[in-house]
N, C-alpha and C. Protein backbone atom coordinates (compact mmCIF):
# COMPACT_ATOMS: atom_id res chain seq x y z
N MET A 1 -8.95 5.18 10.23
CA MET A 1 -7.75 4.39 10.49
C MET A 1 -6.57 5.13 9.88
N GLN A 2 -5.58 5.40 10.71
CA GLN A 2 -4.38 5.97 10.15
C GLN A 2 -3.15 5.07 10.57
N THR A 3 -2.43 4.74 9.54
CA THR A 3 -1.33 3.71 9.67
C THR A 3 -0.10 4.24 9.01
N ILE A 4 1.04 4.19 9.71
CA ILE A 4 2.32 4.61 9.16
C ILE A 4 2.93 3.38 8.51
N VAL A 5 3.28 3.55 7.27
CA VAL A 5 3.90 2.57 6.44
C VAL A 5 5.29 3.10 6.03
N ARG A 6 6.34 2.31 6.55
CA ARG A 6 7.68 2.74 6.25
C ARG A 6 8.45 1.65 5.29
N THR A 7 7.78 0.50 5.20
CA THR A 7 8.55 -0.49 4.29
C THR A 7 7.41 -1.17 3.54
N THR A 8 7.89 -1.75 2.35
CA THR A 8 6.84 -2.40 1.50
C THR A 8 6.21 -3.61 2.19
N GLY A 9 6.92 -4.21 3.15
CA GLY A 9 6.36 -5.35 3.85
C GLY A 9 5.15 -4.81 4.72
N GLN A 10 5.06 -3.59 5.07
CA GLN A 10 3.97 -3.11 5.80
C GLN A 10 2.81 -2.70 4.96
N LEU A 11 3.08 -2.47 3.66
CA LEU A 11 2.01 -1.97 2.83
C LEU A 11 0.98 -3.04 2.43
N GLY A 12 1.44 -4.29 2.15
CA GLY A 12 0.42 -5.37 1.79
C GLY A 12 -0.60 -5.52 2.86
N PRO A 13 -0.24 -5.75 4.09
CA PRO A 13 -1.26 -5.90 5.11
C PRO A 13 -2.22 -4.72 5.25
N VAL A 14 -1.70 -3.57 5.07
CA VAL A 14 -2.59 -2.41 5.12
C VAL A 14 -3.66 -2.35 3.98
N LEU A 15 -3.16 -2.65 2.81
CA LEU A 15 -4.13 -2.78 1.73
C LEU A 15 -5.08 -3.87 1.93
N ARG A 16 -4.66 -5.06 2.38
CA ARG A 16 -5.57 -6.16 2.67
C ARG A 16 -6.66 -5.78 3.76
N LYS A 17 -6.21 -5.08 4.82
CA LYS A 17 -7.06 -4.53 5.87
C LYS A 17 -8.14 -3.63 5.33
N LEU A 18 -7.73 -2.65 4.51
CA LEU A 18 -8.63 -1.69 3.88
C LEU A 18 -9.64 -2.49 3.02
N ARG A 19 -9.18 -3.44 2.19
CA ARG A 19 -10.17 -4.21 1.41
C ARG A 19 -11.14 -5.02 2.17
N LYS A 20 -10.65 -5.62 3.21
CA LYS A 20 -11.53 -6.37 4.18
C LYS A 20 -12.47 -5.53 4.91
N ALA A 21 -12.13 -4.31 5.14
CA ALA A 21 -13.07 -3.37 5.88
C ALA A 21 -14.20 -3.03 4.99
N LYS A 22 -13.93 -3.06 3.71
CA LYS A 22 -15.13 -2.81 2.82
C LYS A 22 -15.88 -4.20 2.50
N ASN A 23 -15.42 -5.30 3.14
CA ASN A 23 -16.10 -6.60 2.86
C ASN A 23 -15.97 -6.96 1.36
N TRP A 24 -14.92 -6.60 0.80
CA TRP A 24 -14.63 -7.03 -0.63
C TRP A 24 -13.60 -8.17 -0.74
N SER A 25 -13.86 -9.00 -1.67
CA SER A 25 -12.93 -10.04 -2.02
C SER A 25 -11.82 -9.36 -2.87
N GLN A 26 -10.74 -10.18 -3.16
CA GLN A 26 -9.76 -9.65 -4.13
C GLN A 26 -10.41 -9.47 -5.46
N ALA A 27 -11.28 -10.42 -5.76
CA ALA A 27 -11.94 -10.29 -7.13
C ALA A 27 -12.76 -9.02 -7.24
N GLN A 28 -13.51 -8.71 -6.07
CA GLN A 28 -14.39 -7.58 -6.20
C GLN A 28 -13.59 -6.28 -6.28
N LEU A 29 -12.44 -6.19 -5.44
CA LEU A 29 -11.66 -5.00 -5.60
C LEU A 29 -11.03 -4.94 -7.00
N GLY A 30 -10.65 -6.05 -7.56
CA GLY A 30 -10.15 -6.08 -8.93
C GLY A 30 -11.09 -5.57 -9.90
N GLU A 31 -12.41 -5.87 -9.78
CA GLU A 31 -13.42 -5.40 -10.61
C GLU A 31 -13.56 -3.94 -10.62
N HIS A 32 -13.47 -3.36 -9.36
CA HIS A 32 -13.51 -1.88 -9.20
C HIS A 32 -12.46 -1.08 -9.84
N VAL A 33 -11.23 -1.66 -9.93
CA VAL A 33 -10.05 -1.03 -10.51
C VAL A 33 -9.60 -1.57 -11.84
N GLY A 34 -10.29 -2.48 -12.37
CA GLY A 34 -9.88 -3.08 -13.70
C GLY A 34 -8.67 -3.96 -13.66
N LEU A 35 -8.47 -4.76 -12.48
CA LEU A 35 -7.42 -5.63 -12.39
C LEU A 35 -7.88 -7.07 -11.95
N SER A 36 -7.12 -8.06 -12.31
CA SER A 36 -7.60 -9.47 -12.04
C SER A 36 -7.42 -9.75 -10.55
N GLN A 37 -8.03 -10.81 -10.02
CA GLN A 37 -7.86 -11.23 -8.68
C GLN A 37 -6.49 -11.64 -8.48
N GLU A 38 -5.87 -12.24 -9.40
CA GLU A 38 -4.44 -12.62 -9.32
C GLU A 38 -3.55 -11.41 -9.11
N ARG A 39 -3.83 -10.31 -9.81
CA ARG A 39 -3.02 -9.15 -9.64
C ARG A 39 -3.19 -8.51 -8.26
N ILE A 40 -4.47 -8.47 -7.78
CA ILE A 40 -4.67 -7.98 -6.42
C ILE A 40 -3.91 -8.77 -5.40
N SER A 41 -3.93 -10.16 -5.62
CA SER A 41 -3.24 -11.04 -4.66
C SER A 41 -1.74 -10.72 -4.84
N ALA A 42 -1.16 -10.54 -5.95
CA ALA A 42 0.22 -10.27 -6.07
C ALA A 42 0.54 -8.87 -5.38
N ILE A 43 -0.25 -7.95 -5.51
CA ILE A 43 -0.07 -6.67 -4.95
C ILE A 43 0.00 -6.79 -3.32
N GLU A 44 -1.04 -7.46 -2.85
CA GLU A 44 -1.14 -7.70 -1.43
C GLU A 44 0.07 -8.42 -0.86
N ASN A 45 0.56 -9.43 -1.62
CA ASN A 45 1.72 -10.21 -1.10
C ASN A 45 3.07 -9.74 -1.54
N ARG A 46 3.12 -8.93 -2.60
CA ARG A 46 4.56 -8.37 -2.92
C ARG A 46 4.25 -6.98 -3.42
N PRO A 47 3.98 -6.04 -2.42
CA PRO A 47 3.70 -4.67 -2.76
C PRO A 47 4.83 -3.90 -3.32
N GLU A 48 5.97 -4.39 -3.19
CA GLU A 48 7.19 -3.70 -3.72
C GLU A 48 7.16 -3.65 -5.27
N ARG A 49 6.30 -4.39 -5.81
CA ARG A 49 6.24 -4.46 -7.29
C ARG A 49 5.05 -3.73 -7.88
N ILE A 50 4.39 -2.91 -7.15
CA ILE A 50 3.23 -2.12 -7.63
C ILE A 50 3.70 -0.80 -8.15
N PRO A 51 3.33 -0.43 -9.33
CA PRO A 51 3.55 0.78 -9.81
C PRO A 51 2.72 1.88 -9.09
N VAL A 52 3.20 3.13 -8.88
CA VAL A 52 2.56 4.14 -8.10
C VAL A 52 1.18 4.44 -8.64
N ASN A 53 0.94 4.40 -9.96
CA ASN A 53 -0.33 4.69 -10.46
C ASN A 53 -1.38 3.63 -10.05
N GLN A 54 -0.94 2.41 -10.04
CA GLN A 54 -1.76 1.29 -9.49
C GLN A 54 -2.06 1.51 -8.06
N LEU A 55 -1.06 1.83 -7.30
CA LEU A 55 -1.29 1.97 -5.83
C LEU A 55 -2.26 3.13 -5.57
N LEU A 56 -2.08 4.29 -6.32
CA LEU A 56 -3.12 5.32 -6.12
C LEU A 56 -4.50 4.93 -6.57
N THR A 57 -4.65 4.20 -7.57
CA THR A 57 -5.98 3.75 -8.05
C THR A 57 -6.55 2.81 -7.07
N LEU A 58 -5.80 1.85 -6.38
CA LEU A 58 -6.33 1.11 -5.33
C LEU A 58 -6.71 1.89 -4.13
N MET A 59 -5.78 2.84 -3.72
CA MET A 59 -6.18 3.61 -2.63
C MET A 59 -7.47 4.43 -2.79
N MET A 60 -7.73 5.01 -4.06
CA MET A 60 -9.00 5.72 -4.30
C MET A 60 -10.19 4.74 -4.20
N ALA A 61 -10.09 3.49 -4.67
CA ALA A 61 -11.20 2.55 -4.63
C ALA A 61 -11.47 2.07 -3.21
N LEU A 62 -10.41 2.07 -2.36
CA LEU A 62 -10.49 1.72 -0.99
C LEU A 62 -10.88 2.87 -0.06
N ASP A 63 -11.10 4.06 -0.68
CA ASP A 63 -11.41 5.23 0.17
C ASP A 63 -10.37 5.63 1.11
N ALA A 64 -9.09 5.54 0.68
CA ALA A 64 -7.91 5.84 1.49
C ALA A 64 -7.06 6.86 0.69
N GLU A 65 -6.12 7.43 1.31
CA GLU A 65 -5.27 8.40 0.68
C GLU A 65 -3.82 8.13 1.16
N LEU A 66 -2.92 8.60 0.27
CA LEU A 66 -1.46 8.47 0.58
C LEU A 66 -0.93 9.83 1.08
N MET A 67 -0.38 9.86 2.21
CA MET A 67 0.27 11.05 2.79
C MET A 67 1.66 10.87 2.99
N VAL A 68 2.46 11.87 2.61
CA VAL A 68 3.94 11.87 2.75
C VAL A 68 4.31 12.89 3.74
N SER A 69 5.08 12.57 4.73
CA SER A 69 5.46 13.55 5.77
C SER A 69 6.98 13.34 6.15
N ALA A 70 7.55 14.38 6.47
CA ALA A 70 9.04 14.20 7.02
C ALA A 70 8.96 13.67 8.42
N ARG A 71 9.93 12.86 8.70
CA ARG A 71 10.08 12.35 10.07
C ARG A 71 10.70 13.34 10.92
N THR A 72 10.45 13.15 12.22
CA THR A 72 11.26 14.05 13.21
C THR A 72 12.63 13.56 13.23
N PRO A 73 13.58 14.39 13.59
CA PRO A 73 14.96 14.02 13.61
C PRO A 73 15.23 12.59 14.42
N SER A 74 14.51 12.41 15.51
CA SER A 74 14.74 11.25 16.30
C SER A 74 14.28 9.90 15.54
N GLU A 75 13.41 10.16 14.48
CA GLU A 75 12.93 9.00 13.74
C GLU A 75 13.71 8.73 12.50
N THR A 76 14.64 9.64 12.11
CA THR A 76 15.34 9.56 10.86
C THR A 76 16.50 8.54 11.11
N PRO A 77 16.62 7.52 10.33
CA PRO A 77 17.73 6.61 10.50
C PRO A 77 19.15 7.33 10.04
N THR A 78 20.16 6.89 10.69
CA THR A 78 21.44 7.44 10.29
C THR A 78 21.86 6.81 8.99
N VAL A 79 22.31 7.64 8.10
CA VAL A 79 22.70 7.24 6.82
C VAL A 79 24.27 7.28 6.75
N GLU A 80 24.98 6.16 6.58
CA GLU A 80 26.36 6.19 6.56
C GLU A 80 26.84 6.38 5.13
N LYS A 81 28.07 6.77 5.02
CA LYS A 81 28.66 7.03 3.67
C LYS A 81 28.34 5.82 2.72
N GLY A 82 27.86 6.13 1.50
CA GLY A 82 27.42 5.14 0.59
C GLY A 82 26.00 4.89 0.51
N GLY A 83 25.21 5.49 1.27
CA GLY A 83 23.74 5.40 1.17
C GLY A 83 23.18 4.50 2.26
N TRP A 84 21.96 4.02 2.01
CA TRP A 84 21.13 3.35 2.97
C TRP A 84 21.86 2.08 3.20
């Protein structure tokens, strides 16, 4: 499965889908990575609050990887003066 994630709102469902593909509960995933079920739930529901090291640890446990690539010019949003 290859999924493009461009917002934190898209990350939670992807992590949940990867976990469910392994037939793991949140508690089981937590056991694999040393986090509580409550923390896994918080990550799946509010992924904007996950530190990068925890994200990478979860991805390794879920047999997934993080890829970063440049968008083609037609995909790049226009940035007006003052930032995003």
